[in-house]
């Protein structure tokens, strides 16, 4: 879910926020242009850590100072 949120945040910031759209069709066209450009320039996500390192961090016990 987090990557979907990142995608919407980027598209909002780069294609929508400063735009002025006369109609919903114009807004949709701007979003489609952004997505098409994003896909043309796209490259795969590359993990910088191996699975074991990620799992150790994800499953470690929390220490003091984390209680709310």
Protein backbone atom coordinates (compact mmCIF):
# COMPACT_ATOMS: atom_id res chain seq x y z
CA UNK A 1 0.00 0.00 0.00
CA UNK A 2 2.82 2.44 0.74
CA UNK A 3 4.11 2.42 -2.84
CA UNK A 4 0.62 3.23 -4.12
CA UNK A 5 0.52 6.21 -1.77
CA UNK A 6 3.94 7.31 -3.03
CA UNK A 7 2.73 7.04 -6.62
CA UNK A 8 -0.31 9.22 -5.91
CA UNK A 9 1.80 11.76 -4.03
CA UNK A 10 4.27 12.08 -6.92
CA UNK A 11 1.53 12.40 -9.53
CA UNK A 12 -0.28 14.98 -7.42
CA UNK A 13 2.87 17.02 -6.90
CA UNK A 14 4.13 16.83 -10.48
CA UNK A 15 0.97 16.77 -12.60
CA UNK A 16 -1.98 18.12 -10.67
CA UNK A 17 -1.19 20.53 -7.85
CA UNK A 18 -0.15 23.60 -9.88
CA UNK A 19 -2.42 22.88 -12.80
CA UNK A 20 -5.57 24.67 -13.81
CA UNK A 21 -8.12 22.43 -15.45
CA UNK A 22 -11.21 23.69 -17.25
CA UNK A 23 -12.91 20.30 -17.11
CA UNK A 24 -12.61 16.80 -15.72
CA UNK A 25 -11.49 15.70 -19.17
CA UNK A 26 -8.56 18.13 -19.01
CA UNK A 27 -7.59 16.76 -15.59
CA UNK A 28 -7.79 13.17 -16.84
CA UNK A 29 -5.67 14.08 -19.87
CA UNK A 30 -3.01 15.65 -17.62
CA UNK A 31 -2.90 12.55 -15.44
CA UNK A 32 -2.64 10.28 -18.49
CA UNK A 33 0.24 12.39 -19.91
CA UNK A 34 2.03 12.12 -16.58
CA UNK A 35 1.54 8.34 -16.37
CA UNK A 36 2.66 7.84 -19.99
CA UNK A 37 5.81 9.89 -19.40
CA UNK A 38 6.49 8.10 -16.11
CA UNK A 39 6.20 4.72 -17.84
CA UNK A 40 8.52 5.77 -20.68
CA UNK A 41 11.22 6.84 -18.20
CA UNK A 42 10.54 4.02 -15.76
CA UNK A 43 13.06 1.59 -14.42
CA UNK A 44 12.64 -1.30 -12.01
CA UNK A 45 12.97 -0.85 -8.29
CA UNK A 46 16.25 -2.28 -7.01
CA UNK A 47 16.49 -3.56 -3.45
CA UNK A 48 19.66 -2.44 -1.69
CA UNK A 49 19.41 -4.97 1.15
CA UNK A 50 19.00 -8.69 1.04
CA UNK A 51 15.92 -10.43 2.41
CA UNK A 52 17.64 -11.66 5.57
CA UNK A 53 18.66 -8.11 6.61
CA UNK A 54 15.14 -6.81 6.01
CA UNK A 55 13.53 -9.62 7.99
CA UNK A 56 15.89 -9.17 10.95
CA UNK A 57 14.95 -5.52 11.20
CA UNK A 58 11.24 -6.16 10.64
CA UNK A 59 10.99 -8.84 13.33
CA UNK A 60 13.35 -7.54 16.02
CA UNK A 61 11.94 -6.76 19.43
CA UNK A 62 11.28 -3.14 20.21
CA UNK A 63 13.34 -1.53 22.95
CA UNK A 64 12.46 1.11 25.52
CA UNK A 65 11.11 4.42 24.36
CA UNK A 66 8.69 2.96 21.83
CA UNK A 67 5.64 2.73 24.07
CA UNK A 68 2.84 5.20 23.39
